PDB file of all heavy atoms in Angstrom:
ATOM      1  N   ALA A   1      40.534  28.282 109.898  1.00  0.00           N
ATOM      2  CA  ALA A   1      40.569  26.988 110.570  1.00  0.00           C
ATOM      3  C   ALA A   1      41.987  26.597 110.980  1.00  0.00           C
ATOM      4  O   ALA A   1      42.199  25.785 111.908  1.00  0.00           O
ATOM      5  CB  ALA A   1      39.979  25.954 109.645  1.00  0.00           C
ATOM      6  N   ASP A   2      42.987  27.171 110.318  1.00  0.00           N
ATOM      7  CA  ASP A   2      44.385  26.748 110.525  1.00  0.00           C
ATOM      8  C   ASP A   2      45.277  27.985 110.553  1.00  0.00           C
ATOM      9  O   ASP A   2      46.079  28.157 109.657  1.00  0.00           O
ATOM     10  CB  ASP A   2      44.786  25.795 109.409  1.00  0.00           C
ATOM     11  CG  ASP A   2      46.195  25.299 109.492  1.00  0.00           C
ATOM     12  OD1 ASP A   2      46.739  25.269 110.625  1.00  0.00           O
ATOM     13  OD2 ASP A   2      46.782  25.019 108.432  1.00  0.00           O
ATOM     14  N   PRO A   3      45.209  28.807 111.633  1.00  0.00           N
ATOM     15  CA  PRO A   3      46.014  30.040 111.634  1.00  0.00           C
ATOM     16  C   PRO A   3      47.492  29.770 111.713  1.00  0.00           C
ATOM     17  O   PRO A   3      48.304  30.614 111.373  1.00  0.00           O
ATOM     18  CB  PRO A   3      45.504  30.763 112.875  1.00  0.00           C
ATOM     19  CG  PRO A   3      44.861  29.697 113.711  1.00  0.00           C
ATOM     20  CD  PRO A   3      44.303  28.719 112.763  1.00  0.00           C
ATOM     21  N   GLY A   4      47.873  28.593 112.205  1.00  0.00           N
ATOM     22  CA  GLY A   4      49.312  28.232 112.267  1.00  0.00           C
ATOM     23  C   GLY A   4      49.904  27.745 110.943  1.00  0.00           C
ATOM     24  O   GLY A   4      51.081  27.445 110.896  1.00  0.00           O
ATOM     25  N   GLU A   5      49.053  27.619 109.962  1.00  0.00           N
ATOM     26  CA  GLU A   5      49.491  27.168 108.635  1.00  0.00           C
ATOM     27  C   GLU A   5      50.192  25.800 108.698  1.00  0.00           C
ATOM     28  O   GLU A   5      51.301  25.587 108.190  1.00  0.00           O
ATOM     29  CB  GLU A   5      50.355  28.214 107.908  1.00  0.00           C
ATOM     30  CG  GLU A   5      49.653  29.568 107.757  1.00  0.00           C
ATOM     31  CD  GLU A   5      50.526  30.570 107.121  1.00  0.00           C
ATOM     32  OE1 GLU A   5      51.528  30.204 106.457  1.00  0.00           O
ATOM     33  OE2 GLU A   5      50.255  31.784 107.195  1.00  0.00           O
ATOM     34  N   LEU A   6      49.496  24.859 109.316  1.00  0.00           N
ATOM     35  CA  LEU A   6      50.109  23.534 109.494  1.00  0.00           C
ATOM     36  C   LEU A   6      49.539  22.514 108.504  1.00  0.00           C
ATOM     37  O   LEU A   6      50.182  21.462 108.244  1.00  0.00           O
ATOM     38  CB  LEU A   6      49.833  23.024 110.904  1.00  0.00           C
ATOM     39  CG  LEU A   6      50.379  23.904 112.043  1.00  0.00           C
ATOM     40  CD1 LEU A   6      49.967  23.322 113.405  1.00  0.00           C
ATOM     41  CD2 LEU A   6      51.880  24.048 111.948  1.00  0.00           C
ATOM     42  N   ASP A   7      48.346  22.814 107.930  1.00  0.00           N
ATOM     43  CA  ASP A   7      47.696  21.829 107.032  1.00  0.00           C
ATOM     44  C   ASP A   7      47.606  22.398 105.639  1.00  0.00           C
ATOM     45  O   ASP A   7      46.745  23.254 105.311  1.00  0.00           O
ATOM     46  CB  ASP A   7      46.269  21.539 107.584  1.00  0.00           C
ATOM     47  CG  ASP A   7      45.533  20.561 106.701  1.00  0.00           C
ATOM     48  OD1 ASP A   7      46.201  19.774 105.990  1.00  0.00           O
ATOM     49  OD2 ASP A   7      44.311  20.455 106.827  1.00  0.00           O
ATOM     50  N   ASP A   8      48.529  21.919 104.749  1.00  0.00           N
ATOM     51  CA  ASP A   8      48.511  22.347 103.375  1.00  0.00           C
ATOM     52  C   ASP A   8      47.418  21.650 102.605  1.00  0.00           C
ATOM     53  O   ASP A   8      47.464  20.400 102.407  1.00  0.00           O
ATOM     54  CB  ASP A   8      49.838  22.052 102.750  1.00  0.00           C
ATOM     55  CG  ASP A   8      49.936  22.425 101.240  1.00  0.00           C
ATOM     56  OD1 ASP A   8      48.998  23.042 100.737  1.00  0.00           O
ATOM     57  OD2 ASP A   8      50.951  22.137 100.598  1.00  0.00           O
ATOM     58  N   LEU A   9      46.395  22.395 102.199  1.00  0.00           N
ATOM     59  CA  LEU A   9      45.193  21.775 101.602  1.00  0.00           C
ATOM     60  C   LEU A   9      45.499  21.200 100.179  1.00  0.00           C
ATOM     61  O   LEU A   9      44.754  20.403  99.659  1.00  0.00           O
ATOM     62  CB  LEU A   9      44.040  22.812 101.483  1.00  0.00           C
ATOM     63  CG  LEU A   9      43.585  23.339 102.819  1.00  0.00           C
ATOM     64  CD1 LEU A   9      42.496  24.389 102.623  1.00  0.00           C
ATOM     65  CD2 LEU A   9      43.118  22.197 103.706  1.00  0.00           C
ATOM     66  N   PHE A  10      46.555  21.660  99.506  1.00  0.00           N
ATOM     67  CA  PHE A  10      46.900  21.100  98.211  1.00  0.00           C
ATOM     68  C   PHE A  10      47.317  19.676  98.268  1.00  0.00           C
ATOM     69  O   PHE A  10      47.192  18.925  97.337  1.00  0.00           O
ATOM     70  CB  PHE A  10      48.028  21.907  97.567  1.00  0.00           C
ATOM     71  CG  PHE A  10      47.572  23.239  96.965  1.00  0.00           C
ATOM     72  CD1 PHE A  10      48.469  24.280  96.834  1.00  0.00           C
ATOM     73  CD2 PHE A  10      46.296  23.445  96.572  1.00  0.00           C
ATOM     74  CE1 PHE A  10      48.070  25.506  96.300  1.00  0.00           C
ATOM     75  CE2 PHE A  10      45.872  24.609  96.041  1.00  0.00           C
ATOM     76  CZ  PHE A  10      46.746  25.644  95.896  1.00  0.00           C
ATOM     77  N   ARG A  11      47.730  19.224  99.448  1.00  0.00           N
ATOM     78  CA  ARG A  11      48.226  17.801  99.601  1.00  0.00           C
ATOM     79  C   ARG A  11      47.029  16.863  99.528  1.00  0.00           C
ATOM     80  O   ARG A  11      47.220  15.668  99.373  1.00  0.00           O
ATOM     81  CB  ARG A  11      48.984  17.653 100.896  1.00  0.00           C
ATOM     82  CG  ARG A  11      50.250  18.441 100.893  1.00  0.00           C
ATOM     83  CD  ARG A  11      51.078  18.194 102.117  1.00  0.00           C
ATOM     84  NE  ARG A  11      52.304  18.976 102.107  1.00  0.00           N
ATOM     85  CZ  ARG A  11      53.235  18.976 103.076  1.00  0.00           C
ATOM     86  NH1 ARG A  11      53.046  18.280 104.166  1.00  0.00           N
ATOM     87  NH2 ARG A  11      54.353  19.716 102.989  1.00  0.00           N
ATOM     88  N   SER A  12      45.815  17.355  99.682  1.00  0.00           N
ATOM     89  CA  SER A  12      44.659  16.531  99.589  1.00  0.00           C
ATOM     90  C   SER A  12      44.183  16.338  98.134  1.00  0.00           C
ATOM     91  O   SER A  12      43.150  15.691  97.892  1.00  0.00           O
ATOM     92  CB  SER A  12      43.500  17.112 100.431  1.00  0.00           C
ATOM     93  OG  SER A  12      43.055  18.386  99.870  1.00  0.00           O
ATOM     94  N   GLY A  13      44.945  16.936  97.192  1.00  0.00           N
ATOM     95  CA  GLY A  13      44.569  16.770  95.775  1.00  0.00           C
ATOM     96  C   GLY A  13      43.706  17.873  95.216  1.00  0.00           C
ATOM     97  O   GLY A  13      43.268  17.795  94.088  1.00  0.00           O
ATOM     98  N   GLU A  14      43.547  18.945  95.959  1.00  0.00           N
ATOM     99  CA  GLU A  14      42.742  20.089  95.490  1.00  0.00           C
ATOM    100  C   GLU A  14      43.384  20.737  94.270  1.00  0.00           C
ATOM    101  O   GLU A  14      44.614  20.867  94.220  1.00  0.00           O
ATOM    102  CB  GLU A  14      42.569  21.089  96.604  1.00  0.00           C
ATOM    103  CG  GLU A  14      41.760  22.310  96.171  1.00  0.00           C
ATOM    104  CD  GLU A  14      41.603  23.299  97.343  1.00  0.00           C
ATOM    105  OE1 GLU A  14      41.407  22.887  98.439  1.00  0.00           O
ATOM    106  OE2 GLU A  14      41.793  24.514  97.096  1.00  0.00           O
ATOM    107  N   ASP A  15      42.571  21.162  93.332  1.00  0.00           N
ATOM    108  CA  ASP A  15      43.056  21.854  92.117  1.00  0.00           C
ATOM    109  C   ASP A  15      43.648  23.203  92.511  1.00  0.00           C
ATOM    110  O   ASP A  15      43.094  23.963  93.297  1.00  0.00           O
ATOM    111  CB  ASP A  15      41.905  22.059  91.134  1.00  0.00           C
ATOM    112  CG  ASP A  15      42.416  22.611  89.804  1.00  0.00           C
ATOM    113  OD1 ASP A  15      43.639  22.631  89.585  1.00  0.00           O
ATOM    114  OD2 ASP A  15      41.604  23.155  89.076  1.00  0.00           O
ATOM    115  N   THR A  16      44.811  23.497  91.976  1.00  0.00           N
ATOM    116  CA  THR A  16      45.559  24.757  92.298  1.00  0.00           C
ATOM    117  C   THR A  16      45.198  25.907  91.363  1.00  0.00           C
ATOM    118  O   THR A  16      45.531  27.029  91.624  1.00  0.00           O
ATOM    119  CB  THR A  16      47.045  24.539  92.268  1.00  0.00           C
ATOM    120  OG1 THR A  16      47.428  24.182  90.898  1.00  0.00           O
ATOM    121  CG2 THR A  16      47.504  23.395  93.220  1.00  0.00           C
ATOM    122  N   GLN A  17      44.509  25.632  90.237  1.00  0.00           N
ATOM    123  CA  GLN A  17      44.352  26.657  89.210  1.00  0.00           C
ATOM    124  C   GLN A  17      43.608  27.865  89.690  1.00  0.00           C
ATOM    125  O   GLN A  17      43.948  28.975  89.344  1.00  0.00           O
ATOM    126  CB  GLN A  17      43.613  26.056  87.996  1.00  0.00           C
ATOM    127  CG  GLN A  17      43.606  26.939  86.801  1.00  0.00           C
ATOM    128  CD  GLN A  17      45.023  27.350  86.322  1.00  0.00           C
ATOM    129  OE1 GLN A  17      45.842  26.498  86.151  1.00  0.00           O
ATOM    130  NE2 GLN A  17      45.268  28.617  86.106  1.00  0.00           N
ATOM    131  N   VAL A  18      42.543  27.739  90.428  1.00  0.00           N
ATOM    132  CA  VAL A  18      41.726  28.849  90.839  1.00  0.00           C
ATOM    133  C   VAL A  18      42.555  29.811  91.690  1.00  0.00           C
ATOM    134  O   VAL A  18      42.435  31.041  91.631  1.00  0.00           O
ATOM    135  CB  VAL A  18      40.428  28.416  91.663  1.00  0.00           C
ATOM    136  CG1 VAL A  18      40.824  27.661  92.916  1.00  0.00           C
ATOM    137  CG2 VAL A  18      39.582  29.609  91.964  1.00  0.00           C
ATOM    138  N   HIS A  19      43.504  29.300  92.489  1.00  0.00           N
ATOM    139  CA  HIS A  19      44.340  30.160  93.319  1.00  0.00           C
ATOM    140  C   HIS A  19      45.462  30.787  92.512  1.00  0.00           C
ATOM    141  O   HIS A  19      45.895  31.890  92.822  1.00  0.00           O
ATOM    142  CB  HIS A  19      44.881  29.315  94.520  1.00  0.00           C
ATOM    143  CG  HIS A  19      43.766  28.714  95.270  1.00  0.00           C
ATOM    144  ND1 HIS A  19      42.889  29.440  96.040  1.00  0.00           N
ATOM    145  CD2 HIS A  19      43.379  27.421  95.432  1.00  0.00           C
ATOM    146  CE1 HIS A  19      42.024  28.648  96.652  1.00  0.00           C
ATOM    147  NE2 HIS A  19      42.275  27.424  96.255  1.00  0.00           N
ATOM    148  N   ARG A  20      45.895  30.137  91.496  1.00  0.00           N
ATOM    149  CA  ARG A  20      46.869  30.723  90.564  1.00  0.00           C
ATOM    150  C   ARG A  20      46.227  31.896  89.862  1.00  0.00           C
ATOM    151  O   ARG A  20      46.822  32.959  89.715  1.00  0.00           O
ATOM    152  CB  ARG A  20      47.365  29.671  89.539  1.00  0.00           C
ATOM    153  CG  ARG A  20      48.227  28.599  90.144  1.00  0.00           C
ATOM    154  CD  ARG A  20      48.569  27.518  89.115  1.00  0.00           C
ATOM    155  NE  ARG A  20      49.268  26.418  89.764  1.00  0.00           N
ATOM    156  CZ  ARG A  20      49.532  25.263  89.142  1.00  0.00           C
ATOM    157  NH1 ARG A  20      49.013  25.046  87.921  1.00  0.00           N
ATOM    158  NH2 ARG A  20      50.199  24.287  89.780  1.00  0.00           N
ATOM    159  N   ASP A  21      44.989  31.732  89.459  1.00  0.00           N
ATOM    160  CA  ASP A  21      44.260  32.798  88.801  1.00  0.00           C
ATOM    161  C   ASP A  21      44.144  34.019  89.720  1.00  0.00           C
ATOM    162  O   ASP A  21      44.231  35.158  89.344  1.00  0.00           O
ATOM    163  CB  ASP A  21      42.896  32.349  88.310  1.00  0.00           C
ATOM    164  CG  ASP A  21      43.009  31.338  87.152  1.00  0.00           C
ATOM    165  OD1 ASP A  21      44.070  31.242  86.543  1.00  0.00           O
ATOM    166  OD2 ASP A  21      41.995  30.628  86.933  1.00  0.00           O
ATOM    167  N   ALA A  22      43.800  33.726  91.017  1.00  0.00           N
ATOM    168  CA  ALA A  22      43.628  34.807  91.995  1.00  0.00           C
ATOM    169  C   ALA A  22      44.948  35.558  92.187  1.00  0.00           C
ATOM    170  O   ALA A  22      44.990  36.761  92.322  1.00  0.00           O
ATOM    171  CB  ALA A  22      43.128  34.252  93.284  1.00  0.00           C
ATOM    172  N   ARG A  23      46.039  34.795  92.152  1.00  0.00           N
ATOM    173  CA  ARG A  23      47.370  35.447  92.330  1.00  0.00           C
ATOM    174  C   ARG A  23      47.652  36.373  91.126  1.00  0.00           C
ATOM    175  O   ARG A  23      48.168  37.470  91.275  1.00  0.00           O
ATOM    176  CB  ARG A  23      48.454  34.415  92.496  1.00  0.00           C
ATOM    177  CG  ARG A  23      49.817  35.023  92.702  1.00  0.00           C
ATOM    178  CD  ARG A  23      50.901  34.062  93.166  1.00  0.00           C
ATOM    179  NE  ARG A  23      50.957  32.845  92.349  1.00  0.00           N
ATOM    180  CZ  ARG A  23      52.073  32.093  92.357  1.00  0.00           C
ATOM    181  NH1 ARG A  23      53.123  32.392  93.026  1.00  0.00           N
ATOM    182  NH2 ARG A  23      52.096  30.990  91.580  1.00  0.00           N
ATOM    183  N   GLY A  24      47.350  35.868  89.918  1.00  0.00           N
ATOM    184  CA  GLY A  24      47.529  36.687  88.725  1.00  0.00           C
ATOM    185  C   GLY A  24      46.720  37.963  88.769  1.00  0.00           C
ATOM    186  O   GLY A  24      47.164  39.053  88.393  1.00  0.00           O
ATOM    187  N   GLU A  25      45.432  37.829  89.276  1.00  0.00           N
ATOM    188  CA  GLU A  25      44.548  38.967  89.397  1.00  0.00           C
ATOM    189  C   GLU A  25      45.122  40.006  90.372  1.00  0.00           C
ATOM    190  O   GLU A  25      45.150  41.197  90.111  1.00  0.00           O
ATOM    191  CB  GLU A  25      43.166  38.559  89.843  1.00  0.00           C
ATOM    192  CG  GLU A  25      42.180  39.698  90.047  1.00  0.00           C
ATOM    193  CD  GLU A  25      40.887  39.217  90.633  1.00  0.00           C
ATOM    194  OE1 GLU A  25      40.680  37.998  90.758  1.00  0.00           O
ATOM    195  OE2 GLU A  25      40.074  40.106  91.005  1.00  0.00           O
ATOM    196  N   ALA A  26      45.637  39.510  91.489  1.00  0.00           N
ATOM    197  CA  ALA A  26      46.134  40.366  92.529  1.00  0.00           C
ATOM    198  C   ALA A  26      47.463  41.093  92.112  1.00  0.00           C
ATOM    199  O   ALA A  26      47.654  42.268  92.396  1.00  0.00           O
ATOM    200  CB  ALA A  26      46.364  39.665  93.820  1.00  0.00           C
ATOM    201  N   LEU A  27      48.278  40.356  91.385  1.00  0.00           N
ATOM    202  CA  LEU A  27      49.547  40.943  90.958  1.00  0.00           C
ATOM    203  C   LEU A  27      49.441  41.718  89.640  1.00  0.00           C
ATOM    204  O   LEU A  27      50.337  42.542  89.283  1.00  0.00           O
ATOM    205  CB  LEU A  27      50.586  39.799  90.763  1.00  0.00           C
ATOM    206  CG  LEU A  27      51.030  39.053  91.991  1.00  0.00           C
ATOM    207  CD1 LEU A  27      51.814  37.826  91.602  1.00  0.00           C
ATOM    208  CD2 LEU A  27      51.853  39.981  92.894  1.00  0.00           C
TER     209      LEU A  27
END
């Protein structure tokens, strides 16, 4: 929806933990 990376979804108050877990899994 946002290929230009203009809308940071974390600013809407979304929980960041699930994406931190995904980063740990990938790394």
